[in-house]
Amino acid sequence: MILPAKAQFGQSGGFNTDPTRQQNSSQSDSLQHEPQTHESFKIKTYITSLQWVKDSSGVGKRQKDTLEITRMFSAAVVLPGYSQVYNRQYWKLPIVYGAIGSSLYFGYKNNLKFLETDNDRYAKNRDLLYTGAFLAYWGTLLDGVISYKSTIDILPGRASLYSALIPGLGQAYNGDYWKIPIYCGGLMICGYFIQFNNMQYQRYRNDYNNPNYTGHHSSDNLKWYRDLSRRYRDYAILAGGLVYALTIIDANIFAYFNDFDVSDDLTINIRPGFIEPVGARFATNTQSLPVGLTMKISF
């Protein structure tokens, strides 16, 4: 039954006589709690997302243009420290750039020393410093994902990025702890076969290319074992990539299913609710707005 009325039932449980005001308030609330989805890459979007303005009530601040966690992560991959700025953790920027910059600088210096002296000690220091720079960069990405604020308890994007950064962490985030040994064990097994077959490949390749080889294998046998070891190594790398991708896919899918009710309870809950007027956005203060009554059925 549709009845004409000048009042409209608001989201807060009361009646609002100004439809334009209610529409603006509804849009403000949706912007405040749900990130906007942008269909294409726009640099302006990533810049304006760092701006902060007062909310509709004038109390506190919120982001002018929110980003999805995956878009924030992609920007942080290109520009380290972006996620820290987005999350308003500016005090972390000196740590981020200090750790990455100093590691790269001293690694470069040790590389120059290694080229001058051919001392393996400088080569080891260079490798350690470059590894430290990578770990600092990786830590900024993980910190940005952890610090990202969302009103959703289990965020699928966060679960996927957790598994991408640390395999098995997305399963722990979803509460599927029993899956962690499966995926981590699979990656460890693949890593073992990659290393073993690569060592065999290096061994048979060196023997095959060595003109002074005096072993019991013929040249054809060495070539056959070399190619076989390389093939098995490549298979192990492919298997490791598939297991790694599966951890990310599993974390994403089961994060979506986290609030999915799979119980045997099929009780029907019937309760009244108000129909939102279709013409509210076009109505003026002098026009009457339709108000209807419907029954909501949920399982």
C-alpha atoms as a PDB file:
ATOM      1  CA  MET A   1       0.000   0.000   0.000  1.00  0.00           C
ATOM      2  CA  ILE A   2       1.469   3.395  -1.048  1.00  0.00           C
ATOM      3  CA  LEU A   3       0.452   6.498   0.841  1.00  0.00           C
ATOM      4  CA  PRO A   4       1.356  10.140   0.011  1.00  0.00           C
ATOM      5  CA  ALA A   5       3.290  11.903   2.701  1.00  0.00           C
ATOM      6  CA  LYS A   6       5.728  14.780   3.112  1.00  0.00           C
ATOM      7  CA  ALA A   7       7.775  12.932   5.684  1.00  0.00           C
ATOM      8  CA  GLN A   8      10.378  10.325   4.949  1.00  0.00           C
ATOM      9  CA  PHE A   9      11.634   7.642   7.293  1.00  0.00           C
ATOM     10  CA  GLY A  10      15.343   8.250   7.931  1.00  0.00           C
ATOM     11  CA  GLN A  11      18.148   5.756   8.528  1.00  0.00           C
ATOM     12  CA  SER A  12      18.503   6.772  12.126  1.00  0.00           C
ATOM     13  CA  GLY A  13      14.999   5.595  12.988  1.00  0.00           C
ATOM     14  CA  GLY A  14      13.227   8.980  12.829  1.00  0.00           C
ATOM     15  CA  PHE A  15      11.399  10.960  10.159  1.00  0.00           C
ATOM     16  CA  ASN A  16      13.177  13.526   8.013  1.00  0.00           C
ATOM     17  CA  THR A  17      11.128  16.161   6.196  1.00  0.00           C
ATOM     18  CA  ASP A  18      13.997  17.247   3.901  1.00  0.00           C
ATOM     19  CA  PRO A  19      14.776  14.540   1.321  1.00  0.00           C
ATOM     20  CA  THR A  20      17.759  16.422  -0.125  1.00  0.00           C
ATOM     21  CA  ARG A  21      19.327  16.678   3.290  1.00  0.00           C
ATOM     22  CA  GLN A  22      18.783  12.992   3.957  1.00  0.00           C
ATOM     23  CA  GLN A  23      20.280  12.057   0.598  1.00  0.00           C
ATOM     24  CA  ASN A  24      23.420  14.092   1.256  1.00  0.00           C
ATOM     25  CA  SER A  25      23.731  12.577   4.717  1.00  0.00           C
ATOM     26  CA  SER A  26      23.370   9.076   3.288  1.00  0.00           C
ATOM     27  CA  GLN A  27      26.057   9.733   0.695  1.00  0.00           C
ATOM     28  CA  SER A  28      28.354  11.125   3.374  1.00  0.00           C
ATOM     29  CA  ASP A  29      27.910   8.060   5.552  1.00  0.00           C
ATOM     30  CA  SER A  30      28.590   5.693   2.658  1.00  0.00           C
ATOM     31  CA  LEU A  31      31.747   7.609   1.780  1.00  0.00           C
ATOM     32  CA  GLN A  32      32.884   7.502   5.365  1.00  0.00           C
ATOM     33  CA  HIS A  33      32.601   3.741   5.831  1.00  0.00           C
ATOM     34  CA  GLU A  34      32.944   2.182   2.373  1.00  0.00           C
ATOM     35  CA  PRO A  35      35.907   2.784   0.023  1.00  0.00           C
ATOM     36  CA  GLN A  36      35.078   4.150  -3.388  1.00  0.00           C
ATOM     37  CA  THR A  37      35.718   1.939  -6.410  1.00  0.00           C
ATOM     38  CA  HIS A  38      37.556   3.536  -9.317  1.00  0.00           C
ATOM     39  CA  GLU A  39      37.244   1.796 -12.649  1.00  0.00           C
ATOM     40  CA  SER A  40      40.537   3.059 -14.096  1.00  0.00           C
ATOM     41  CA  PHE A  41      43.929   4.086 -12.821  1.00  0.00           C
ATOM     42  CA  LYS A  42      44.059   7.802 -12.099  1.00  0.00           C
ATOM     43  CA  ILE A  43      47.046   9.448 -10.458  1.00  0.00           C
ATOM     44  CA  LYS A  44      44.765  12.194  -9.131  1.00  0.00           C
ATOM     45  CA  THR A  45      42.852   9.591  -7.137  1.00  0.00           C
ATOM     46  CA  TYR A  46      45.991   8.500  -5.283  1.00  0.00           C
ATOM     47  CA  ILE A  47      46.917  12.108  -4.560  1.00  0.00           C
ATOM     48  CA  THR A  48      43.508  13.232  -3.289  1.00  0.00           C
ATOM     49  CA  SER A  49      43.270  10.142  -1.075  1.00  0.00           C
ATOM     50  CA  LEU A  50      46.024  11.647   1.066  1.00  0.00           C
ATOM     51  CA  GLN A  51      43.949  14.785   1.780  1.00  0.00           C
ATOM     52  CA  TRP A  52      41.853  15.046   4.930  1.00  0.00           C
ATOM     53  CA  VAL A  53      38.737  17.166   5.496  1.00  0.00           C
ATOM     54  CA  LYS A  54      36.189  17.565   8.251  1.00  0.00           C
ATOM     55  CA  ASP A  55      33.232  15.206   8.251  1.00  0.00           C
ATOM     56  CA  SER A  56      29.603  16.269   7.927  1.00  0.00           C
ATOM     57  CA  SER A  57      29.219  16.786  11.679  1.00  0.00           C
ATOM     58  CA  GLY A  58      32.308  18.988  11.889  1.00  0.00           C
ATOM     59  CA  VAL A  59      33.898  16.696  14.453  1.00  0.00           C
ATOM     60  CA  GLY A  60      36.998  14.676  13.614  1.00  0.00           C
ATOM     61  CA  LYS A  61      38.458  14.108  10.189  1.00  0.00           C
ATOM     62  CA  ARG A  62      38.127  11.546   7.445  1.00  0.00           C
ATOM     63  CA  GLN A  63      39.856  10.931   4.140  1.00  0.00           C
ATOM     64  CA  LYS A  64      38.642  12.991   1.226  1.00  0.00           C
ATOM     65  CA  ASP A  65      38.760  10.034  -1.158  1.00  0.00           C
ATOM     66  CA  THR A  66      39.203   6.552   0.253  1.00  0.00           C
ATOM     67  CA  LEU A  67      41.076   3.771  -1.512  1.00  0.00           C
ATOM     68  CA  GLU A  68      40.623   0.043  -1.569  1.00  0.00           C
ATOM     69  CA  ILE A  69      43.387  -1.827   0.218  1.00  0.00           C
ATOM     70  CA  THR A  70      44.653  -3.380  -3.017  1.00  0.00           C
ATOM     71  CA  ARG A  71      44.983   0.036  -4.659  1.00  0.00           C
ATOM     72  CA  MET A  72      46.784   1.414  -1.629  1.00  0.00           C
ATOM     73  CA  PHE A  73      49.127  -1.577  -1.759  1.00  0.00           C
ATOM     74  CA  SER A  74      49.838  -1.116  -5.469  1.00  0.00           C
ATOM     75  CA  ALA A  75      50.743   2.533  -4.867  1.00  0.00           C
ATOM     76  CA  ALA A  76      53.042   1.529  -1.985  1.00  0.00           C
ATOM     77  CA  VAL A  77      54.802  -0.990  -4.257  1.00  0.00           C
ATOM     78  CA  VAL A  78      55.723   1.821  -6.662  1.00  0.00           C
ATOM     79  CA  LEU A  79      56.325   4.466  -3.981  1.00  0.00           C
ATOM     80  CA  PRO A  80      57.586   3.068  -0.649  1.00  0.00           C
ATOM     81  CA  GLY A  81      56.032   4.919   2.281  1.00  0.00           C
ATOM     82  CA  TYR A  82      52.773   5.727   0.496  1.00  0.00           C
ATOM     83  CA  SER A  83      50.781   3.388   2.740  1.00  0.00           C
ATOM     84  CA  GLN A  84      52.283   4.993   5.849  1.00  0.00           C
ATOM     85  CA  VAL A  85      51.190   8.437   4.632  1.00  0.00           C
ATOM     86  CA  TYR A  86      47.757   7.082   3.687  1.00  0.00           C
ATOM     87  CA  ASN A  87      47.349   5.595   7.175  1.00  0.00           C
ATOM     88  CA  ARG A  88      48.537   8.882   8.744  1.00  0.00           C
ATOM     89  CA  GLN A  89      51.602   7.262  10.326  1.00  0.00           C
ATOM     90  CA  TYR A  90      54.058   9.927   9.242  1.00  0.00           C
ATOM     91  CA  TRP A  91      56.532   9.127  11.996  1.00  0.00           C
ATOM     92  CA  LYS A  92      57.384   5.883  10.209  1.00  0.00           C
ATOM     93  CA  LEU A  93      58.666   7.615   7.076  1.00  0.00           C
ATOM     94  CA  PRO A  94      62.161   8.400   8.472  1.00  0.00           C
ATOM     95  CA  ILE A  95      62.464   4.752   9.517  1.00  0.00           C
ATOM     96  CA  VAL A  96      61.343   3.506   6.097  1.00  0.00           C
ATOM     97  CA  TYR A  97      63.604   5.697   3.991  1.00  0.00           C
ATOM     98  CA  GLY A  98      66.440   5.552   6.505  1.00  0.00           C
ATOM     99  CA  ALA A  99      66.542   1.752   6.468  1.00  0.00           C
ATOM    100  CA  ILE A 100      66.143   1.386   2.705  1.00  0.00           C
ATOM    101  CA  GLY A 101      68.428   4.289   1.780  1.00  0.00           C
ATOM    102  CA  SER A 102      71.271   3.434   4.158  1.00  0.00           C
ATOM    103  CA  SER A 103      71.237  -0.243   3.166  1.00  0.00           C
ATOM    104  CA  LEU A 104      71.390   0.606  -0.538  1.00  0.00           C
ATOM    105  CA  TYR A 105      74.114   3.201  -0.017  1.00  0.00           C
ATOM    106  CA  PHE A 106      76.448   1.014   2.032  1.00  0.00           C
ATOM    107  CA  GLY A 107      75.721  -1.929  -0.241  1.00  0.00           C
ATOM    108  CA  TYR A 108      76.834   0.164  -3.208  1.00  0.00           C
ATOM    109  CA  LYS A 109      79.991   1.212  -1.353  1.00  0.00           C
ATOM    110  CA  ASN A 110      80.871  -2.407  -0.516  1.00  0.00           C
ATOM    111  CA  ASN A 111      80.291  -3.374  -4.141  1.00  0.00           C
ATOM    112  CA  LEU A 112      82.825  -0.742  -5.224  1.00  0.00           C
ATOM    113  CA  LYS A 113      85.311  -2.104  -2.678  1.00  0.00           C
ATOM    114  CA  PHE A 114      84.747  -5.618  -3.991  1.00  0.00           C
ATOM    115  CA  LEU A 115      85.433  -4.505  -7.560  1.00  0.00           C
ATOM    116  CA  GLU A 116      88.645  -2.794  -6.461  1.00  0.00           C
ATOM    117  CA  THR A 117      90.065  -5.484  -4.168  1.00  0.00           C
ATOM    118  CA  ASP A 118      88.246  -8.654  -5.286  1.00  0.00           C
ATOM    119  CA  ASN A 119      87.781  -9.452  -1.592  1.00  0.00           C
ATOM    120  CA  ASP A 120      84.905 -11.834  -0.889  1.00  0.00           C
ATOM    121  CA  ARG A 121      84.242 -10.126   2.432  1.00  0.00           C
ATOM    122  CA  TYR A 122      82.977  -7.027   0.643  1.00  0.00           C
ATOM    123  CA  ALA A 123      80.825  -9.175  -1.608  1.00  0.00           C
ATOM    124  CA  LYS A 124      79.165 -10.803   1.416  1.00  0.00           C
ATOM    125  CA  ASN A 125      78.597  -7.422   3.041  1.00  0.00           C
ATOM    126  CA  ARG A 126      77.087  -6.132  -0.206  1.00  0.00           C
ATOM    127  CA  ASP A 127      74.694  -9.051  -0.444  1.00  0.00           C
ATOM    128  CA  LEU A 128      73.648  -8.706   3.201  1.00  0.00           C
ATOM    129  CA  LEU A 129      73.015  -4.977   2.837  1.00  0.00           C
ATOM    130  CA  TYR A 130      70.997  -5.401  -0.340  1.00  0.00           C
ATOM    131  CA  THR A 131      68.988  -8.121   1.386  1.00  0.00           C
ATOM    132  CA  GLY A 132      68.380  -5.769   4.297  1.00  0.00           C
ATOM    133  CA  ALA A 133      67.100  -3.091   1.898  1.00  0.00           C
ATOM    134  CA  PHE A 134      64.683  -5.575   0.371  1.00  0.00           C
ATOM    135  CA  LEU A 135      63.456  -6.717   3.802  1.00  0.00           C
ATOM    136  CA  ALA A 136      62.903  -3.089   4.849  1.00  0.00           C
ATOM    137  CA  TYR A 137      60.921  -2.494   1.658  1.00  0.00           C
ATOM    138  CA  TRP A 138      58.916  -5.672   2.252  1.00  0.00           C
ATOM    139  CA  GLY A 139      58.277  -4.599   5.849  1.00  0.00           C
ATOM    140  CA  THR A 140      56.777  -1.288   4.721  1.00  0.00           C
ATOM    141  CA  LEU A 141      54.304  -3.164   2.517  1.00  0.00           C
ATOM    142  CA  LEU A 142      53.302  -5.517   5.321  1.00  0.00           C
ATOM    143  CA  ASP A 143      52.984  -2.638   7.790  1.00  0.00           C
ATOM    144  CA  GLY A 144      50.702  -0.758   5.392  1.00  0.00           C
ATOM    145  CA  VAL A 145      48.384  -3.747   5.028  1.00  0.00           C
ATOM    146  CA  ILE A 146      48.258  -4.281   8.805  1.00  0.00           C
ATOM    147  CA  SER A 147      47.568  -0.611   9.564  1.00  0.00           C
ATOM    148  CA  TYR A 148      44.836  -0.212   6.929  1.00  0.00           C
ATOM    149  CA  LYS A 149      41.570   0.704   8.680  1.00  0.00           C
ATOM    150  CA  SER A 150      38.307  -0.926   7.640  1.00  0.00           C
ATOM    151  CA  THR A 151      34.866  -1.383   9.149  1.00  0.00           C
ATOM    152  CA  ILE A 152      34.780  -4.983   7.844  1.00  0.00           C
ATOM    153  CA  ASP A 153      36.058  -7.599  10.281  1.00  0.00           C
ATOM    154  CA  ILE A 154      37.486  -9.970   7.654  1.00  0.00           C
ATOM    155  CA  LEU A 155      38.596  -8.055   4.572  1.00  0.00           C
ATOM    156  CA  PRO A 156      39.221 -10.288   1.515  1.00  0.00           C
ATOM    157  CA  GLY A 157      41.818  -7.913   0.091  1.00  0.00           C
ATOM    158  CA  ARG A 158      43.780  -7.943   3.344  1.00  0.00           C
ATOM    159  CA  ALA A 159      43.659 -11.746   3.494  1.00  0.00           C
ATOM    160  CA  SER A 160      45.009 -12.004  -0.071  1.00  0.00           C
ATOM    161  CA  LEU A 161      47.831  -9.552   0.567  1.00  0.00           C
ATOM    162  CA  TYR A 162      48.737 -11.292   3.819  1.00  0.00           C
ATOM    163  CA  SER A 163      49.196 -14.573   1.948  1.00  0.00           C
ATOM    164  CA  ALA A 164      51.099 -12.822  -0.830  1.00  0.00           C
ATOM    165  CA  LEU A 165      53.563 -11.306   1.636  1.00  0.00           C
ATOM    166  CA  ILE A 166      53.768 -14.272   4.043  1.00  0.00           C
ATOM    167  CA  PRO A 167      52.297 -17.555   2.765  1.00  0.00           C
ATOM    168  CA  GLY A 168      49.909 -18.910   5.378  1.00  0.00           C
ATOM    169  CA  LEU A 169      49.299 -15.573   7.101  1.00  0.00           C
ATOM    170  CA  GLY A 170      46.058 -15.091   5.177  1.00  0.00           C
ATOM    171  CA  GLN A 171      44.814 -18.461   6.432  1.00  0.00           C
ATOM    172  CA  ALA A 172      45.673 -17.420   9.998  1.00  0.00           C
ATOM    173  CA  TYR A 173      43.795 -14.151   9.429  1.00  0.00           C
ATOM    174  CA  ASN A 174      40.725 -16.152   8.349  1.00  0.00           C
ATOM    175  CA  GLY A 175      41.047 -18.526  11.296  1.00  0.00           C
ATOM    176  CA  ASP A 176      41.927 -21.540   9.087  1.00  0.00           C
ATOM    177  CA  TYR A 177      45.017 -22.489  11.072  1.00  0.00           C
ATOM    178  CA  TRP A 178      44.892 -26.134  10.003  1.00  0.00           C
ATOM    179  CA  LYS A 179      45.708 -25.102   6.424  1.00  0.00           C
ATOM    180  CA  ILE A 180      49.004 -23.438   7.357  1.00  0.00           C
ATOM    181  CA  PRO A 181      51.056 -26.685   7.628  1.00  0.00           C
ATOM    182  CA  ILE A 182      49.641 -27.857   4.293  1.00  0.00           C
ATOM    183  CA  TYR A 183      50.617 -24.782   2.287  1.00  0.00           C
ATOM    184  CA  CYS A 184      53.879 -24.095   4.117  1.00  0.00           C
ATOM    185  CA  GLY A 185      54.830 -27.768   3.872  1.00  0.00           C
ATOM    186  CA  GLY A 186      54.062 -27.753   0.152  1.00  0.00           C
ATOM    187  CA  LEU A 187      56.264 -24.702  -0.395  1.00  0.00           C
ATOM    188  CA  MET A 188      59.091 -26.241   1.630  1.00  0.00           C
ATOM    189  CA  ILE A 189      58.925 -29.479  -0.370  1.00  0.00           C
ATOM    190  CA  CYS A 190      58.976 -27.546  -3.628  1.00  0.00           C
ATOM    191  CA  GLY A 191      61.916 -25.491  -2.385  1.00  0.00           C
ATOM    192  CA  TYR A 192      63.840 -28.637  -1.491  1.00  0.00           C
ATOM    193  CA  PHE A 193      63.359 -30.174  -4.950  1.00  0.00           C
ATOM    194  CA  ILE A 194      64.280 -26.880  -6.609  1.00  0.00           C
ATOM    195  CA  GLN A 195      67.556 -26.734  -4.723  1.00  0.00           C
ATOM    196  CA  PHE A 196      68.363 -30.446  -5.137  1.00  0.00           C
ATOM    197  CA  ASN A 197      67.670 -30.574  -8.869  1.00  0.00           C
ATOM    198  CA  ASN A 198      69.497 -27.310  -9.450  1.00  0.00           C
ATOM    199  CA  MET A 199      72.583 -28.725  -7.725  1.00  0.00           C
ATOM    200  CA  GLN A 200      72.357 -31.836  -9.910  1.00  0.00           C
ATOM    201  CA  TYR A 201      71.925 -29.682 -12.991  1.00  0.00           C
ATOM    202  CA  GLN A 202      75.015 -27.600 -12.111  1.00  0.00           C
ATOM    203  CA  ARG A 203      77.027 -30.753 -11.463  1.00  0.00           C
ATOM    204  CA  TYR A 204      76.200 -32.510 -14.747  1.00  0.00           C
ATOM    205  CA  ARG A 205      76.505 -29.305 -16.742  1.00  0.00           C
ATOM    206  CA  ASN A 206      80.005 -28.638 -15.403  1.00  0.00           C
ATOM    207  CA  ASP A 207      81.054 -32.224 -16.066  1.00  0.00           C
ATOM    208  CA  TYR A 208      79.634 -32.101 -19.579  1.00  0.00           C
ATOM    209  CA  ASN A 209      81.428 -28.829 -20.373  1.00  0.00           C
ATOM    210  CA  ASN A 210      84.696 -30.002 -18.802  1.00  0.00           C
ATOM    211  CA  PRO A 211      87.011 -31.359 -21.523  1.00  0.00           C
ATOM    212  CA  ASN A 212      89.178 -33.037 -18.872  1.00  0.00           C
ATOM    213  CA  TYR A 213      86.318 -35.054 -17.348  1.00  0.00           C
ATOM    214  CA  THR A 214      87.465 -38.571 -16.401  1.00  0.00           C
ATOM    215  CA  GLY A 215      84.337 -39.941 -14.721  1.00  0.00           C
ATOM    216  CA  HIS A 216      82.470 -43.106 -15.571  1.00  0.00           C
ATOM    217  CA  HIS A 217      79.634 -41.288 -17.424  1.00  0.00           C
ATOM    218  CA  SER A 218      79.772 -40.866 -21.169  1.00  0.00           C
ATOM    219  CA  SER A 219      79.157 -37.530 -22.848  1.00  0.00           C
ATOM    220  CA  ASP A 220      75.643 -38.572 -23.909  1.00  0.00           C
ATOM    221  CA  ASN A 221      74.804 -39.707 -20.367  1.00  0.00           C
ATOM    222  CA  LEU A 222      76.011 -36.414 -18.911  1.00  0.00           C
ATOM    223  CA  LYS A 223      73.870 -34.498 -21.368  1.00  0.00           C
ATOM    224  CA  TRP A 224      70.839 -36.667 -20.582  1.00  0.00           C
ATOM    225  CA  TYR A 225      71.241 -36.226 -16.807  1.00  0.00           C
ATOM    226  CA  ARG A 226      71.838 -32.499 -17.244  1.00  0.00           C
ATOM    227  CA  ASP A 227      68.624 -32.018 -19.219  1.00  0.00           C
ATOM    228  CA  LEU A 228      66.662 -34.277 -16.859  1.00  0.00           C
ATOM    229  CA  SER A 229      67.804 -32.346 -13.770  1.00  0.00           C
ATOM    230  CA  ARG A 230      66.968 -29.027 -15.413  1.00  0.00           C
ATOM    231  CA  ARG A 231      63.505 -30.286 -16.385  1.00  0.00           C
ATOM    232  CA  TYR A 232      62.774 -31.494 -12.853  1.00  0.00           C
ATOM    233  CA  ARG A 233      64.008 -28.183 -11.439  1.00  0.00           C
ATOM    234  CA  ASP A 234      61.660 -26.266 -13.730  1.00  0.00           C
ATOM    235  CA  TYR A 235      58.766 -28.542 -12.747  1.00  0.00           C
ATOM    236  CA  ALA A 236      59.508 -27.880  -9.077  1.00  0.00           C
ATOM    237  CA  ILE A 237      59.552 -24.112  -9.706  1.00  0.00           C
ATOM    238  CA  LEU A 238      56.195 -24.360 -11.480  1.00  0.00           C
ATOM    239  CA  ALA A 239      54.744 -26.431  -8.636  1.00  0.00           C
ATOM    240  CA  GLY A 240      55.987 -23.909  -6.082  1.00  0.00           C
ATOM    241  CA  GLY A 241      54.370 -21.066  -8.023  1.00  0.00           C
ATOM    242  CA  LEU A 242      51.072 -22.947  -8.146  1.00  0.00           C
ATOM    243  CA  VAL A 243      51.114 -23.630  -4.390  1.00  0.00           C
ATOM    244  CA  TYR A 244      51.946 -19.971  -3.712  1.00  0.00           C
ATOM    245  CA  ALA A 245      49.089 -18.795  -5.953  1.00  0.00           C
ATOM    246  CA  LEU A 246      46.740 -21.284  -4.314  1.00  0.00           C
ATOM    247  CA  THR A 247      47.457 -19.838  -0.867  1.00  0.00           C
ATOM    248  CA  ILE A 248      46.432 -16.385  -2.105  1.00  0.00           C
ATOM    249  CA  ILE A 249      43.291 -17.645  -3.857  1.00  0.00           C
ATOM    250  CA  ASP A 250      42.276 -19.744  -0.851  1.00  0.00           C
ATOM    251  CA  ALA A 251      42.696 -16.804   1.538  1.00  0.00           C
ATOM    252  CA  ASN A 252      40.619 -14.535  -0.700  1.00  0.00           C
ATOM    253  CA  ILE A 253      37.773 -16.994  -1.271  1.00  0.00           C
ATOM    254  CA  PHE A 254      37.363 -18.064   2.336  1.00  0.00           C
ATOM    255  CA  ALA A 255      37.557 -14.449   3.506  1.00  0.00           C
ATOM    256  CA  TYR A 256      34.460 -13.799   1.365  1.00  0.00           C
ATOM    257  CA  PHE A 257      32.782 -16.875   2.872  1.00  0.00           C
ATOM    258  CA  ASN A 258      33.674 -15.889   6.428  1.00  0.00           C
ATOM    259  CA  ASP A 259      30.204 -14.521   7.223  1.00  0.00           C
ATOM    260  CA  PHE A 260      28.366 -17.011   5.010  1.00  0.00           C
ATOM    261  CA  ASP A 261      25.862 -19.005   7.054  1.00  0.00           C
ATOM    262  CA  VAL A 262      26.268 -22.732   6.363  1.00  0.00           C
ATOM    263  CA  SER A 263      24.322 -23.950   9.375  1.00  0.00           C
ATOM    264  CA  ASP A 264      21.268 -26.224   9.222  1.00  0.00           C
ATOM    265  CA  ASP A 265      19.050 -23.555  10.782  1.00  0.00           C
ATOM    266  CA  LEU A 266      16.473 -22.573   8.136  1.00  0.00           C
ATOM    267  CA  THR A 267      14.280 -20.472  10.425  1.00  0.00           C
ATOM    268  CA  ILE A 268      12.497 -17.653   8.594  1.00  0.00           C
ATOM    269  CA  ASN A 269      12.649 -14.225  10.195  1.00  0.00           C
ATOM    270  CA  ILE A 270       9.869 -11.852   9.097  1.00  0.00           C
ATOM    271  CA  ARG A 271       9.960  -8.205  10.129  1.00  0.00           C
ATOM    272  CA  PRO A 272       8.472  -4.969   8.779  1.00  0.00           C
ATOM    273  CA  GLY A 273      10.509  -2.363   6.955  1.00  0.00           C
ATOM    274  CA  PHE A 274       9.993   0.916   5.082  1.00  0.00           C
ATOM    275  CA  ILE A 275      10.408   1.222   1.321  1.00  0.00           C
ATOM    276  CA  GLU A 276      12.833   3.942   0.281  1.00  0.00           C
ATOM    277  CA  PRO A 277      10.972   6.427  -1.957  1.00  0.00           C
ATOM    278  CA  VAL A 278      12.099   6.104  -5.573  1.00  0.00           C
ATOM    279  CA  GLY A 279      11.501   9.755  -6.341  1.00  0.00           C
ATOM    280  CA  ALA A 280      13.293  11.099  -3.288  1.00  0.00           C
ATOM    281  CA  ARG A 281      16.244  12.422  -5.249  1.00  0.00           C
ATOM    282  CA  PHE A 282      13.980  14.365  -7.633  1.00  0.00           C
ATOM    283  CA  ALA A 283      11.453  15.576  -5.069  1.00  0.00           C
ATOM    284  CA  THR A 284      11.311  19.063  -3.630  1.00  0.00           C
ATOM    285  CA  ASN A 285       9.996  20.294  -0.315  1.00  0.00           C
ATOM    286  CA  THR A 286       6.585  20.993  -1.910  1.00  0.00           C
ATOM    287  CA  GLN A 287       6.139  17.550  -3.452  1.00  0.00           C
ATOM    288  CA  SER A 288       4.693  14.590  -1.616  1.00  0.00           C
ATOM    289  CA  LEU A 289       6.859  11.508  -1.267  1.00  0.00           C
ATOM    290  CA  PRO A 290       5.481   7.950  -1.402  1.00  0.00           C
ATOM    291  CA  VAL A 291       5.906   5.850   1.726  1.00  0.00           C
ATOM    292  CA  GLY A 292       5.293   2.104   1.542  1.00  0.00           C
ATOM    293  CA  LEU A 293       5.282  -0.860   3.904  1.00  0.00           C
ATOM    294  CA  THR A 294       6.978  -4.121   3.002  1.00  0.00           C
ATOM    295  CA  MET A 295       7.815  -7.393   4.707  1.00  0.00           C
ATOM    296  CA  LYS A 296      11.473  -8.467   4.745  1.00  0.00           C
ATOM    297  CA  ILE A 297      12.111 -12.200   4.780  1.00  0.00           C
ATOM    298  CA  SER A 298      15.599 -13.427   5.663  1.00  0.00           C
ATOM    299  CA  PHE A 299      16.853 -16.985   6.078  1.00  0.00           C
END
